Amino acid sequence: MDQHKLRSHVFDKTGIKIDTDDPIFALVALNEAVLAETIERQLALLHAATDALAAQACAAGGLPPPAAPIPLPAAPPASAAASNGLTPREWRLLGAAAIVSLASSLLVLGGAALLWR
């Protein structure tokens, strides 16, 4: 905390001159200490929540255990390679994306037509 910088900032904003020995700087220091403690407490809660969420994801099979290395993806089966390299799941996702983009386009065009009239 640069007291001279704060002093000039207060003067610029309010036109009030304060001395560096003013008790207001004790209040600023107290505010910084409370803010630092609050940030540390919030970070600890955030880390605890993140760890709990990671543990739940590991238990559900969504994430590998923390100590285990992440395995490399296996090669696709030969039947998937025959169909342009896409697996059936990827084809379903591609179809769903196409349907969503078509529906979005129709919605936008319909809205534009309504607003044009």
PDB file of N, CA and C in Angstrom:
ATOM      1  N   MET A   1       0.847  -1.182   0.000  1.00  0.00           N
ATOM      2  CA  MET A   1       0.000   0.000   0.000  1.00  0.00           C
ATOM      3  C   MET A   1       0.887   1.237   0.000  1.00  0.00           C
ATOM      4  N   ASP A   2       0.760   2.022  -1.026  1.00  0.00           N
ATOM      5  CA  ASP A   2       1.521   3.260  -1.133  1.00  0.00           C
ATOM      6  C   ASP A   2       0.660   4.403  -0.584  1.00  0.00           C
ATOM      7  N   GLN A   3       1.032   4.918   0.586  1.00  0.00           N
ATOM      8  CA  GLN A   3       0.234   5.946   1.240  1.00  0.00           C
ATOM      9  C   GLN A   3       0.216   7.249   0.441  1.00  0.00           C
ATOM     10  N   HIS A   4       1.322   7.583  -0.167  1.00  0.00           N
ATOM     11  CA  HIS A   4       1.371   8.821  -0.952  1.00  0.00           C
ATOM     12  C   HIS A   4       0.464   8.734  -2.177  1.00  0.00           C
ATOM     13  N   LYS A   5       0.422   7.560  -2.789  1.00  0.00           N
ATOM     14  CA  LYS A   5      -0.456   7.368  -3.933  1.00  0.00           C
ATOM     15  C   LYS A   5      -1.917   7.464  -3.501  1.00  0.00           C
ATOM     16  N   LEU A   6      -2.262   6.822  -2.384  1.00  0.00           N
ATOM     17  CA  LEU A   6      -3.625   6.921  -1.866  1.00  0.00           C
ATOM     18  C   LEU A   6      -3.978   8.350  -1.484  1.00  0.00           C
ATOM     19  N   ARG A   7      -3.040   9.044  -0.884  1.00  0.00           N
ATOM     20  CA  ARG A   7      -3.244  10.441  -0.474  1.00  0.00           C
ATOM     21  C   ARG A   7      -3.557  11.311  -1.689  1.00  0.00           C
ATOM     22  N   SER A   8      -2.786  11.152  -2.752  1.00  0.00           N
ATOM     23  CA  SER A   8      -3.027  11.959  -3.953  1.00  0.00           C
ATOM     24  C   SER A   8      -4.337  11.549  -4.634  1.00  0.00           C
ATOM     25  N   HIS A   9      -4.687  10.265  -4.561  1.00  0.00           N
ATOM     26  CA  HIS A   9      -5.953   9.804  -5.137  1.00  0.00           C
ATOM     27  C   HIS A   9      -7.136  10.440  -4.404  1.00  0.00           C
ATOM     28  N   VAL A  10      -7.074  10.453  -3.067  1.00  0.00           N
ATOM     29  CA  VAL A  10      -8.149  11.078  -2.284  1.00  0.00           C
ATOM     30  C   VAL A  10      -8.243  12.562  -2.621  1.00  0.00           C
ATOM     31  N   PHE A  11      -7.115  13.223  -2.746  1.00  0.00           N
ATOM     32  CA  PHE A  11      -7.134  14.656  -3.074  1.00  0.00           C
ATOM     33  C   PHE A  11      -7.714  14.893  -4.460  1.00  0.00           C
ATOM     34  N   ASP A  12      -7.356  14.027  -5.427  1.00  0.00           N
ATOM     35  CA  ASP A  12      -7.870  14.184  -6.787  1.00  0.00           C
ATOM     36  C   ASP A  12      -9.385  13.990  -6.839  1.00  0.00           C
ATOM     37  N   LYS A  13      -9.892  13.033  -6.068  1.00  0.00           N
ATOM     38  CA  LYS A  13     -11.319  12.720  -6.108  1.00  0.00           C
ATOM     39  C   LYS A  13     -12.153  13.697  -5.288  1.00  0.00           C
ATOM     40  N   THR A  14     -11.644  14.101  -4.115  1.00  0.00           N
ATOM     41  CA  THR A  14     -12.475  14.881  -3.203  1.00  0.00           C
ATOM     42  C   THR A  14     -11.978  16.300  -2.976  1.00  0.00           C
ATOM     43  N   GLY A  15     -10.721  16.564  -3.256  1.00  0.00           N
ATOM     44  CA  GLY A  15     -10.164  17.875  -2.969  1.00  0.00           C
ATOM     45  C   GLY A  15      -9.769  18.039  -1.510  1.00  0.00           C
ATOM     46  N   ILE A  16      -9.825  16.944  -0.750  1.00  0.00           N
ATOM     47  CA  ILE A  16      -9.474  16.984   0.674  1.00  0.00           C
ATOM     48  C   ILE A  16      -8.040  16.518   0.830  1.00  0.00           C
ATOM     49  N   LYS A  17      -7.246  17.340   1.535  1.00  0.00           N
ATOM     50  CA  LYS A  17      -5.859  16.969   1.789  1.00  0.00           C
ATOM     51  C   LYS A  17      -5.800  16.168   3.088  1.00  0.00           C
ATOM     52  N   ILE A  18      -5.177  15.006   3.001  1.00  0.00           N
ATOM     53  CA  ILE A  18      -4.967  14.206   4.209  1.00  0.00           C
ATOM     54  C   ILE A  18      -3.477  13.967   4.367  1.00  0.00           C
ATOM     55  N   ASP A  19      -3.067  13.821   5.607  1.00  0.00           N
ATOM     56  CA  ASP A  19      -1.665  13.585   5.922  1.00  0.00           C
ATOM     57  C   ASP A  19      -1.423  12.083   5.973  1.00  0.00           C
ATOM     58  N   THR A  20      -0.192  11.670   5.757  1.00  0.00           N
ATOM     59  CA  THR A  20       0.113  10.238   5.817  1.00  0.00           C
ATOM     60  C   THR A  20       0.000   9.697   7.230  1.00  0.00           C
ATOM     61  N   ASP A  21      -0.066  10.582   8.244  1.00  0.00           N
ATOM     62  CA  ASP A  21      -0.256  10.144   9.624  1.00  0.00           C
ATOM     63  C   ASP A  21      -1.729  10.080  10.006  1.00  0.00           C
ATOM     64  N   ASP A  22      -2.596  10.367   9.066  1.00  0.00           N
ATOM     65  CA  ASP A  22      -4.031  10.398   9.340  1.00  0.00           C
ATOM     66  C   ASP A  22      -4.524   9.000   9.728  1.00  0.00           C
ATOM     67  N   PRO A  23      -5.443   8.924  10.693  1.00  0.00           N
ATOM     68  CA  PRO A  23      -5.973   7.612  11.117  1.00  0.00           C
ATOM     69  C   PRO A  23      -6.730   6.877  10.014  1.00  0.00           C
ATOM     70  N   ILE A  24      -7.089   7.562   8.965  1.00  0.00           N
ATOM     71  CA  ILE A  24      -7.796   6.900   7.871  1.00  0.00           C
ATOM     72  C   ILE A  24      -6.942   5.803   7.252  1.00  0.00           C
ATOM     73  N   PHE A  25      -5.621   5.972   7.290  1.00  0.00           N
ATOM     74  CA  PHE A  25      -4.741   4.942   6.738  1.00  0.00           C
ATOM     75  C   PHE A  25      -4.767   3.674   7.580  1.00  0.00           C
ATOM     76  N   ALA A  26      -5.054   3.807   8.873  1.00  0.00           N
ATOM     77  CA  ALA A  26      -5.236   2.615   9.706  1.00  0.00           C
ATOM     78  C   ALA A  26      -6.484   1.857   9.251  1.00  0.00           C
ATOM     79  N   LEU A  27      -7.511   2.601   8.896  1.00  0.00           N
ATOM     80  CA  LEU A  27      -8.733   1.980   8.391  1.00  0.00           C
ATOM     81  C   LEU A  27      -8.474   1.277   7.053  1.00  0.00           C
ATOM     82  N   VAL A  28      -7.676   1.898   6.203  1.00  0.00           N
ATOM     83  CA  VAL A  28      -7.334   1.278   4.919  1.00  0.00           C
ATOM     84  C   VAL A  28      -6.548  -0.017   5.141  1.00  0.00           C
ATOM     85  N   ALA A  29      -5.603   0.014   6.081  1.00  0.00           N
ATOM     86  CA  ALA A  29      -4.816  -1.187   6.381  1.00  0.00           C
ATOM     87  C   ALA A  29      -5.709  -2.287   6.955  1.00  0.00           C
ATOM     88  N   LEU A  30      -6.653  -1.897   7.814  1.00  0.00           N
ATOM     89  CA  LEU A  30      -7.587  -2.873   8.372  1.00  0.00           C
ATOM     90  C   LEU A  30      -8.458  -3.463   7.260  1.00  0.00           C
ATOM     91  N   ASN A  31      -8.898  -2.628   6.345  1.00  0.00           N
ATOM     92  CA  ASN A  31      -9.701  -3.100   5.219  1.00  0.00           C
ATOM     93  C   ASN A  31      -8.918  -4.091   4.365  1.00  0.00           C
ATOM     94  N   GLU A  32      -7.655  -3.805   4.112  1.00  0.00           N
ATOM     95  CA  GLU A  32      -6.822  -4.730   3.337  1.00  0.00           C
ATOM     96  C   GLU A  32      -6.653  -6.057   4.057  1.00  0.00           C
ATOM     97  N   ALA A  33      -6.465  -6.013   5.368  1.00  0.00           N
ATOM     98  CA  ALA A  33      -6.290  -7.253   6.129  1.00  0.00           C
ATOM     99  C   ALA A  33      -7.561  -8.097   6.104  1.00  0.00           C
ATOM    100  N   VAL A  34      -8.717  -7.452   6.275  1.00  0.00           N
ATOM    101  CA  VAL A  34      -9.983  -8.183   6.242  1.00  0.00           C
ATOM    102  C   VAL A  34     -10.230  -8.756   4.854  1.00  0.00           C
ATOM    103  N   LEU A  35      -9.923  -7.980   3.835  1.00  0.00           N
ATOM    104  CA  LEU A  35     -10.099  -8.461   2.470  1.00  0.00           C
ATOM    105  C   LEU A  35      -9.190  -9.652   2.180  1.00  0.00           C
ATOM    106  N   ALA A  36      -7.949  -9.594   2.626  1.00  0.00           N
ATOM    107  CA  ALA A  36      -7.017 -10.708   2.401  1.00  0.00           C
ATOM    108  C   ALA A  36      -7.501 -11.967   3.114  1.00  0.00           C
ATOM    109  N   GLU A  37      -8.003 -11.813   4.333  1.00  0.00           N
ATOM    110  CA  GLU A  37      -8.503 -12.978   5.079  1.00  0.00           C
ATOM    111  C   GLU A  37      -9.738 -13.564   4.395  1.00  0.00           C
ATOM    112  N   THR A  38     -10.617 -12.700   3.910  1.00  0.00           N
ATOM    113  CA  THR A  38     -11.814 -13.167   3.221  1.00  0.00           C
ATOM    114  C   THR A  38     -11.457 -13.896   1.936  1.00  0.00           C
ATOM    115  N   ILE A  39     -10.495 -13.383   1.210  1.00  0.00           N
ATOM    116  CA  ILE A  39     -10.066 -14.035  -0.026  1.00  0.00           C
ATOM    117  C   ILE A  39      -9.465 -15.405   0.270  1.00  0.00           C
ATOM    118  N   GLU A  40      -8.642 -15.497   1.308  1.00  0.00           N
ATOM    119  CA  GLU A  40      -8.057 -16.791   1.675  1.00  0.00           C
ATOM    120  C   GLU A  40      -9.140 -17.788   2.052  1.00  0.00           C
ATOM    121  N   ARG A  41     -10.135 -17.337   2.801  1.00  0.00           N
ATOM    122  CA  ARG A  41     -11.224 -18.227   3.217  1.00  0.00           C
ATOM    123  C   ARG A  41     -12.027 -18.684   2.002  1.00  0.00           C
ATOM    124  N   GLN A  42     -12.311 -17.765   1.077  1.00  0.00           N
ATOM    125  CA  GLN A  42     -13.062 -18.126  -0.117  1.00  0.00           C
ATOM    126  C   GLN A  42     -12.275 -19.087  -1.007  1.00  0.00           C
ATOM    127  N   LEU A  43     -10.965 -18.871  -1.118  1.00  0.00           N
ATOM    128  CA  LEU A  43     -10.130 -19.789  -1.904  1.00  0.00           C
ATOM    129  C   LEU A  43     -10.104 -21.171  -1.284  1.00  0.00           C
ATOM    130  N   ALA A  44     -10.042 -21.236   0.049  1.00  0.00           N
ATOM    131  CA  ALA A  44     -10.060 -22.538   0.719  1.00  0.00           C
ATOM    132  C   ALA A  44     -11.381 -23.254   0.456  1.00  0.00           C
ATOM    133  N   LEU A  45     -12.495 -22.521   0.518  1.00  0.00           N
ATOM    134  CA  LEU A  45     -13.795 -23.130   0.216  1.00  0.00           C
ATOM    135  C   LEU A  45     -13.869 -23.575  -1.240  1.00  0.00           C
ATOM    136  N   LEU A  46     -13.330 -22.789  -2.138  1.00  0.00           N
ATOM    137  CA  LEU A  46     -13.333 -23.137  -3.551  1.00  0.00           C
ATOM    138  C   LEU A  46     -12.503 -24.390  -3.814  1.00  0.00           C
ATOM    139  N   HIS A  47     -11.325 -24.467  -3.178  1.00  0.00           N
ATOM    140  CA  HIS A  47     -10.491 -25.660  -3.352  1.00  0.00           C
ATOM    141  C   HIS A  47     -11.176 -26.893  -2.770  1.00  0.00           C
ATOM    142  N   ALA A  48     -11.834 -26.740  -1.617  1.00  0.00           N
ATOM    143  CA  ALA A  48     -12.545 -27.877  -1.024  1.00  0.00           C
ATOM    144  C   ALA A  48     -13.686 -28.331  -1.927  1.00  0.00           C
ATOM    145  N   ALA A  49     -14.424 -27.387  -2.487  1.00  0.00           N
ATOM    146  CA  ALA A  49     -15.523 -27.740  -3.386  1.00  0.00           C
ATOM    147  C   ALA A  49     -15.003 -28.393  -4.662  1.00  0.00           C
ATOM    148  N   THR A  50     -13.882 -27.909  -5.180  1.00  0.00           N
ATOM    149  CA  THR A  50     -13.286 -28.493  -6.379  1.00  0.00           C
ATOM    150  C   THR A  50     -12.816 -29.917  -6.109  1.00  0.00           C
ATOM    151  N   ASP A  51     -12.185 -30.129  -4.962  1.00  0.00           N
ATOM    152  CA  ASP A  51     -11.742 -31.477  -4.613  1.00  0.00           C
ATOM    153  C   ASP A  51     -12.927 -32.423  -4.436  1.00  0.00           C
ATOM    154  N   ALA A  52     -14.011 -31.933  -3.798  1.00  0.00           N
ATOM    155  CA  ALA A  52     -15.193 -32.773  -3.621  1.00  0.00           C
ATOM    156  C   ALA A  52     -15.824 -33.112  -4.967  1.00  0.00           C
ATOM    157  N   LEU A  53     -15.878 -32.147  -5.864  1.00  0.00           N
ATOM    158  CA  LEU A  53     -16.439 -32.388  -7.190  1.00  0.00           C
ATOM    159  C   LEU A  53     -15.580 -33.374  -7.978  1.00  0.00           C
ATOM    160  N   ALA A  54     -14.261 -33.241  -7.872  1.00  0.00           N
ATOM    161  CA  ALA A  54     -13.373 -34.181  -8.561  1.00  0.00           C
ATOM    162  C   ALA A  54     -13.536 -35.589  -7.994  1.00  0.00           C
ATOM    163  N   ALA A  55     -13.706 -35.684  -6.670  1.00  0.00           N
ATOM    164  CA  ALA A  55     -13.912 -37.002  -6.052  1.00  0.00           C
ATOM    165  C   ALA A  55     -15.220 -37.623  -6.530  1.00  0.00           C
ATOM    166  N   GLN A  56     -16.278 -36.824  -6.652  1.00  0.00           N
ATOM    167  CA  GLN A  56     -17.553 -37.332  -7.159  1.00  0.00           C
ATOM    168  C   GLN A  56     -17.425 -37.777  -8.613  1.00  0.00           C
ATOM    169  N   ALA A  57     -16.693 -37.010  -9.414  1.00  0.00           N
ATOM    170  CA  ALA A  57     -16.509 -37.378 -10.813  1.00  0.00           C
ATOM    171  C   ALA A  57     -15.695 -38.658 -10.935  1.00  0.00           C
ATOM    172  N   CYS A  58     -14.705 -38.830 -10.068  1.00  0.00           N
ATOM    173  CA  CYS A  58     -13.919 -40.071 -10.081  1.00  0.00           C
ATOM    174  C   CYS A  58     -14.778 -41.249  -9.675  1.00  0.00           C
ATOM    175  N   ALA A  59     -15.638 -41.038  -8.661  1.00  0.00           N
ATOM    176  CA  ALA A  59     -16.502 -42.120  -8.190  1.00  0.00           C
ATOM    177  C   ALA A  59     -17.516 -42.508  -9.258  1.00  0.00           C
ATOM    178  N   ALA A  60     -17.968 -41.544 -10.044  1.00  0.00           N
ATOM    179  CA  ALA A  60     -18.950 -41.826 -11.095  1.00  0.00           C
ATOM    180  C   ALA A  60     -18.294 -42.365 -12.364  1.00  0.00           C
ATOM    181  N   GLY A  61     -16.968 -42.359 -12.410  1.00  0.00           N
ATOM    182  CA  GLY A  61     -16.266 -42.868 -13.575  1.00  0.00           C
ATOM    183  C   GLY A  61     -16.009 -41.810 -14.623  1.00  0.00           C
ATOM    184  N   GLY A  62     -16.283 -40.555 -14.316  1.00  0.00           N
ATOM    185  CA  GLY A  62     -16.077 -39.487 -15.283  1.00  0.00           C
ATOM    186  C   GLY A  62     -14.641 -39.032 -15.378  1.00  0.00           C
ATOM    187  N   LEU A  63     -13.877 -39.226 -14.315  1.00  0.00           N
ATOM    188  CA  LEU A  63     -12.473 -38.828 -14.289  1.00  0.00           C
ATOM    189  C   LEU A  63     -11.636 -39.988 -13.785  1.00  0.00           C
ATOM    190  N   PRO A  64     -10.389 -40.083 -14.247  1.00  0.00           N
ATOM    191  CA  PRO A  64      -9.510 -41.101 -13.678  1.00  0.00           C
ATOM    192  C   PRO A  64      -9.116 -40.692 -12.261  1.00  0.00           C
ATOM    193  N   PRO A  65      -8.657 -41.639 -11.458  1.00  0.00           N
ATOM    194  CA  PRO A  65      -8.199 -41.280 -10.115  1.00  0.00           C
ATOM    195  C   PRO A  65      -7.074 -40.255 -10.206  1.00  0.00           C
ATOM    196  N   PRO A  66      -6.926 -39.369  -9.211  1.00  0.00           N
ATOM    197  CA  PRO A  66      -5.939 -38.299  -9.292  1.00  0.00           C
ATOM    198  C   PRO A  66      -4.505 -38.785  -9.466  1.00  0.00           C
ATOM    199  N   ALA A  67      -4.143 -39.919  -8.858  1.00  0.00           N
ATOM    200  CA  ALA A  67      -2.762 -40.395  -8.934  1.00  0.00           C
ATOM    201  C   ALA A  67      -2.488 -41.155 -10.229  1.00  0.00           C
ATOM    202  N   ALA A  68      -3.532 -41.606 -10.904  1.00  0.00           N
ATOM    203  CA  ALA A  68      -3.351 -42.416 -12.104  1.00  0.00           C
ATOM    204  C   ALA A  68      -3.054 -41.527 -13.305  1.00  0.00           C
ATOM    205  N   PRO A  69      -2.138 -41.930 -14.155  1.00  0.00           N
ATOM    206  CA  PRO A  69      -1.888 -41.143 -15.370  1.00  0.00           C
ATOM    207  C   PRO A  69      -3.079 -41.248 -16.314  1.00  0.00           C
ATOM    208  N   ILE A  70      -3.264 -40.240 -17.117  1.00  0.00           N
ATOM    209  CA  ILE A  70      -4.366 -40.230 -18.071  1.00  0.00           C
ATOM    210  C   ILE A  70      -3.989 -41.132 -19.247  1.00  0.00           C
ATOM    211  N   PRO A  71      -4.808 -42.163 -19.518  1.00  0.00           N
ATOM    212  CA  PRO A  71      -4.463 -43.079 -20.610  1.00  0.00           C
ATOM    213  C   PRO A  71      -4.677 -42.417 -21.966  1.00  0.00           C
ATOM    214  N   LEU A  72      -3.878 -42.865 -22.918  1.00  0.00           N
ATOM    215  CA  LEU A  72      -4.028 -42.372 -24.286  1.00  0.00           C
ATOM    216  C   LEU A  72      -5.225 -43.048 -24.928  1.00  0.00           C
ATOM    217  N   PRO A  73      -5.937 -42.366 -25.812  1.00  0.00           N
ATOM    218  CA  PRO A  73      -7.094 -42.986 -26.451  1.00  0.00           C
ATOM    219  C   PRO A  73      -6.664 -44.155 -27.328  1.00  0.00           C
ATOM    220  N   ALA A  74      -7.498 -45.175 -27.335  1.00  0.00           N
ATOM    221  CA  ALA A  74      -7.202 -46.373 -28.127  1.00  0.00           C
ATOM    222  C   ALA A  74      -7.499 -46.087 -29.597  1.00  0.00           C
ATOM    223  N   ALA A  75      -6.907 -46.886 -30.453  1.00  0.00           N
ATOM    224  CA  ALA A  75      -7.146 -46.738 -31.886  1.00  0.00           C
ATOM    225  C   ALA A  75      -8.588 -47.121 -32.188  1.00  0.00           C
ATOM    226  N   PRO A  76      -9.236 -46.442 -33.137  1.00  0.00           N
ATOM    227  CA  PRO A  76     -10.625 -46.786 -33.464  1.00  0.00           C
ATOM    228  C   PRO A  76     -10.694 -48.167 -34.093  1.00  0.00           C
ATOM    229  N   PRO A  77     -11.816 -48.848 -33.916  1.00  0.00           N
ATOM    230  CA  PRO A  77     -11.949 -50.175 -34.532  1.00  0.00           C
ATOM    231  C   PRO A  77     -11.960 -50.081 -36.061  1.00  0.00           C
ATOM    232  N   ALA A  78     -11.702 -51.200 -36.698  1.00  0.00           N
ATOM    233  CA  ALA A  78     -11.590 -51.226 -38.152  1.00  0.00           C
ATOM    234  C   ALA A  78     -12.908 -50.852 -38.823  1.00  0.00           C
ATOM    235  N   SER A  79     -14.047 -51.212 -38.213  1.00  0.00           N
ATOM    236  CA  SER A  79     -15.342 -50.900 -38.826  1.00  0.00           C
ATOM    237  C   SER A  79     -15.594 -49.392 -38.842  1.00  0.00           C
ATOM    238  N   ALA A  80     -15.092 -48.686 -37.827  1.00  0.00           N
ATOM    239  CA  ALA A  80     -15.271 -47.234 -37.791  1.00  0.00           C
ATOM    240  C   ALA A  80     -14.387 -46.567 -38.843  1.00  0.00           C
ATOM    241  N   ALA A  81     -13.224 -47.137 -39.090  1.00  0.00           N
ATOM    242  CA  ALA A  81     -12.324 -46.549 -40.077  1.00  0.00           C
ATOM    243  C   ALA A  81     -12.906 -46.678 -41.483  1.00  0.00           C
ATOM    244  N   ALA A  82     -13.722 -47.702 -41.714  1.00  0.00           N
ATOM    245  CA  ALA A  82     -14.309 -47.899 -43.033  1.00  0.00           C
ATOM    246  C   ALA A  82     -15.362 -46.842 -43.344  1.00  0.00           C
ATOM    247  N   SER A  83     -15.982 -46.244 -42.328  1.00  0.00           N
ATOM    248  CA  SER A  83     -17.044 -45.262 -42.568  1.00  0.00           C
ATOM    249  C   SER A  83     -16.508 -43.840 -42.382  1.00  0.00           C
ATOM    250  N   ASN A  84     -15.528 -43.473 -43.185  1.00  0.00           N
ATOM    251  CA  ASN A  84     -14.929 -42.141 -43.180  1.00  0.00           C
ATOM    252  C   ASN A  84     -14.277 -41.781 -41.851  1.00  0.00           C
ATOM    253  N   GLY A  85     -13.902 -42.746 -41.052  1.00  0.00           N
ATOM    254  CA  GLY A  85     -13.197 -42.490 -39.800  1.00  0.00           C
ATOM    255  C   GLY A  85     -14.083 -42.000 -38.676  1.00  0.00           C
ATOM    256  N   LEU A  86     -15.408 -42.018 -38.807  1.00  0.00           N
ATOM    257  CA  LEU A  86     -16.296 -41.557 -37.751  1.00  0.00           C
ATOM    258  C   LEU A  86     -16.955 -42.750 -37.070  1.00  0.00           C
ATOM    259  N   THR A  87     -17.009 -42.674 -35.748  1.00  0.00           N
ATOM    260  CA  THR A  87     -17.681 -43.732 -34.988  1.00  0.00           C
ATOM    261  C   THR A  87     -19.185 -43.474 -35.018  1.00  0.00           C
ATOM    262  N   PRO A  88     -19.987 -44.475 -34.670  1.00  0.00           N
ATOM    263  CA  PRO A  88     -21.445 -44.252 -34.635  1.00  0.00           C
ATOM    264  C   PRO A  88     -21.845 -43.118 -33.687  1.00  0.00           C
ATOM    265  N   ARG A  89     -21.144 -42.990 -32.576  1.00  0.00           N
ATOM    266  CA  ARG A  89     -21.441 -41.901 -31.639  1.00  0.00           C
ATOM    267  C   ARG A  89     -21.173 -40.546 -32.287  1.00  0.00           C
ATOM    268  N   GLU A  90     -20.070 -40.443 -33.018  1.00  0.00           N
ATOM    269  CA  GLU A  90     -19.751 -39.189 -33.703  1.00  0.00           C
ATOM    270  C   GLU A  90     -20.782 -38.873 -34.784  1.00  0.00           C
ATOM    271  N   TRP A  91     -21.304 -39.908 -35.474  1.00  0.00           N
ATOM    272  CA  TRP A  91     -22.342 -39.683 -36.473  1.00  0.00           C
ATOM    273  C   TRP A  91     -23.609 -39.152 -35.810  1.00  0.00           C
ATOM    274  N   ARG A  92     -23.962 -39.712 -34.640  1.00  0.00           N
ATOM    275  CA  ARG A  92     -25.151 -39.236 -33.920  1.00  0.00           C
ATOM    276  C   ARG A  92     -24.969 -37.786 -33.482  1.00  0.00           C
ATOM    277  N   LEU A  93     -23.789 -37.473 -32.967  1.00  0.00           N
ATOM    278  CA  LEU A  93     -23.521 -36.096 -32.544  1.00  0.00           C
ATOM    279  C   LEU A  93     -23.551 -35.142 -33.732  1.00  0.00           C
ATOM    280  N   LEU A  94     -23.011 -35.584 -34.851  1.00  0.00           N
ATOM    281  CA  LEU A  94     -23.026 -34.763 -36.062  1.00  0.00           C
ATOM    282  C   LEU A  94     -24.449 -34.526 -36.545  1.00  0.00           C
ATOM    283  N   GLY A  95     -25.275 -35.561 -36.493  1.00  0.00           N
ATOM    284  CA  GLY A  95     -26.679 -35.413 -36.881  1.00  0.00           C
ATOM    285  C   GLY A  95     -27.430 -34.480 -35.943  1.00  0.00           C
ATOM    286  N   ALA A  96     -27.165 -34.612 -34.637  1.00  0.00           N
ATOM    287  CA  ALA A  96     -27.820 -33.727 -33.670  1.00  0.00           C
ATOM    288  C   ALA A  96     -27.388 -32.284 -33.882  1.00  0.00           C
ATOM    289  N   ALA A  97     -26.121 -32.069 -34.164  1.00  0.00           N
ATOM    290  CA  ALA A  97     -25.631 -30.713 -34.419  1.00  0.00           C
ATOM    291  C   ALA A  97     -26.266 -30.143 -35.679  1.00  0.00           C
ATOM    292  N   ALA A  98     -26.450 -30.972 -36.697  1.00  0.00           N
ATOM    293  CA  ALA A  98     -27.080 -30.505 -37.935  1.00  0.00           C
ATOM    294  C   ALA A  98     -28.535 -30.119 -37.688  1.00  0.00           C
ATOM    295  N   ILE A  99     -29.237 -30.914 -36.897  1.00  0.00           N
ATOM    296  CA  ILE A  99     -30.637 -30.612 -36.592  1.00  0.00           C
ATOM    297  C   ILE A  99     -30.742 -29.313 -35.796  1.00  0.00           C
ATOM    298  N   VAL A 100     -29.870 -29.143 -34.815  1.00  0.00           N
ATOM    299  CA  VAL A 100     -29.895 -27.931 -34.010  1.00  0.00           C
ATOM    300  C   VAL A 100     -29.563 -26.707 -34.852  1.00  0.00           C
ATOM    301  N   SER A 101     -28.586 -26.812 -35.737  1.00  0.00           N
ATOM    302  CA  SER A 101     -28.236 -25.656 -36.571  1.00  0.00           C
ATOM    303  C   SER A 101     -29.357 -25.332 -37.554  1.00  0.00           C
ATOM    304  N   LEU A 102     -30.014 -26.342 -38.097  1.00  0.00           N
ATOM    305  CA  LEU A 102     -31.140 -26.109 -39.003  1.00  0.00           C
ATOM    306  C   LEU A 102     -32.297 -25.450 -38.266  1.00  0.00           C
ATOM    307  N   ALA A 103     -32.611 -25.940 -37.072  1.00  0.00           N
ATOM    308  CA  ALA A 103     -33.698 -25.348 -36.285  1.00  0.00           C
ATOM    309  C   ALA A 103     -33.366 -23.903 -35.900  1.00  0.00           C
ATOM    310  N   SER A 104     -32.122 -23.645 -35.543  1.00  0.00           N
ATOM    311  CA  SER A 104     -31.716 -22.278 -35.197  1.00  0.00           C
ATOM    312  C   SER A 104     -31.837 -21.361 -36.407  1.00  0.00           C
ATOM    313  N   SER A 105     -31.419 -21.841 -37.565  1.00  0.00           N
ATOM    314  CA  SER A 105     -31.517 -21.030 -38.785  1.00  0.00           C
ATOM    315  C   SER A 105     -32.970 -20.704 -39.107  1.00  0.00           C
ATOM    316  N   LEU A 106     -33.842 -21.702 -39.002  1.00  0.00           N
ATOM    317  CA  LEU A 106     -35.257 -21.458 -39.266  1.00  0.00           C
ATOM    318  C   LEU A 106     -35.854 -20.485 -38.265  1.00  0.00           C
ATOM    319  N   LEU A 107     -35.445 -20.575 -37.018  1.00  0.00           N
ATOM    320  CA  LEU A 107     -35.934 -19.650 -35.999  1.00  0.00           C
ATOM    321  C   LEU A 107     -35.492 -18.221 -36.296  1.00  0.00           C
ATOM    322  N   VAL A 108     -34.247 -18.067 -36.670  1.00  0.00           N
ATOM    323  CA  VAL A 108     -33.740 -16.724 -37.011  1.00  0.00           C
ATOM    324  C   VAL A 108     -34.445 -16.169 -38.227  1.00  0.00           C
ATOM    325  N   LEU A 109     -34.592 -16.978 -39.268  1.00  0.00           N
ATOM    326  CA  LEU A 109     -35.275 -16.509 -40.483  1.00  0.00           C
ATOM    327  C   LEU A 109     -36.737 -16.188 -40.211  1.00  0.00           C
ATOM    328  N   GLY A 110     -37.394 -16.992 -39.389  1.00  0.00           N
ATOM    329  CA  GLY A 110     -38.789 -16.710 -39.033  1.00  0.00           C
ATOM    330  C   GLY A 110     -38.902 -15.424 -38.248  1.00  0.00           C
ATOM    331  N   GLY A 111     -38.007 -15.198 -37.313  1.00  0.00           N
ATOM    332  CA  GLY A 111     -38.018 -13.952 -36.544  1.00  0.00           C
ATOM    333  C   GLY A 111     -37.746 -12.752 -37.417  1.00  0.00           C
ATOM    334  N   ALA A 112     -36.816 -12.885 -38.342  1.00  0.00           N
ATOM    335  CA  ALA A 112     -36.520 -11.781 -39.258  1.00  0.00           C
ATOM    336  C   ALA A 112     -37.717 -11.485 -40.154  1.00  0.00           C
ATOM    337  N   ALA A 113     -38.419 -12.525 -40.598  1.00  0.00           N
ATOM    338  CA  ALA A 113     -39.592 -12.317 -41.451  1.00  0.00           C
ATOM    339  C   ALA A 113     -40.702 -11.615 -40.674  1.00  0.00           C
ATOM    340  N   LEU A 114     -40.875 -11.981 -39.402  1.00  0.00           N
ATOM    341  CA  LEU A 114     -41.896 -11.320 -38.588  1.00  0.00           C
ATOM    342  C   LEU A 114     -41.557  -9.855 -38.337  1.00  0.00           C
ATOM    343  N   LEU A 115     -40.290  -9.575 -38.118  1.00  0.00           N
ATOM    344  CA  LEU A 115     -39.891  -8.202 -37.842  1.00  0.00           C
ATOM    345  C   LEU A 115     -39.866  -7.357 -39.110  1.00  0.00           C
ATOM    346  N   TRP A 116     -39.712  -7.971 -40.258  1.00  0.00           N
ATOM    347  CA  TRP A 116     -39.631  -7.239 -41.511  1.00  0.00           C
ATOM    348  C   TRP A 116     -40.981  -6.627 -41.888  1.00  0.00           C
ATOM    349  N   ARG A 117     -42.053  -7.320 -41.495  1.00  0.00           N
ATOM    350  CA  ARG A 117     -43.405  -6.869 -41.877  1.00  0.00           C
ATOM    351  C   ARG A 117     -43.825  -5.699 -41.100  1.00  0.00           C
TER     352      ARG A 117
END
